[in-house]
């Protein structure tokens, strides 16, 4: 199996800058890879694994990264991989049980543009979107919104711990 750095999305489904009304490459440079190491005796280790990988988005120029919380819950080590290949350490700032989101603070200067948080209510059915992955266009997929609906479901880390139904967007990666 190819390593994460060798793998690419087929060119036919990669986003093309001319299809979007913004600087696609600048926006995708705000998507970072995340690698989290969790202690073997952590509560979530058996269910979610001790090595987790996924993506996050730089939302402030000072290095604040938004990601899905289960990726970083109980992490003792965090590494962020940037568009230019640099790896920088990070630390978990918060995990919000209600939304399922986590915040990471980069522990080095990133020198990347932050991606502002938008309004999902402004997105229309049929609109072009990008499913962004760390690594730019070669790791991202062009798509269109096919439907919009409220998501009301249970967010759980195991079958015995459930939160109440909430509105939320789910993103992230499966544990390794």
Foldseek 3Di string as FASTA:
>chain_A
DDDPVPAFDPPVFFDDCVQDPDRQQQQLQQKKKKWFAADCPDPLCVQQNRIFIKIWGFADQQAKTKDFQVRHVRTPWMWIAGLVGDIFTWAWDDADPQARMTIIGTPDRDPGDGDHDDDPVPADAQRWDKQHHHHGRRHIGIDGHHDDDWDWDWDDSDPVDTDHTDTYDDDIDGHD
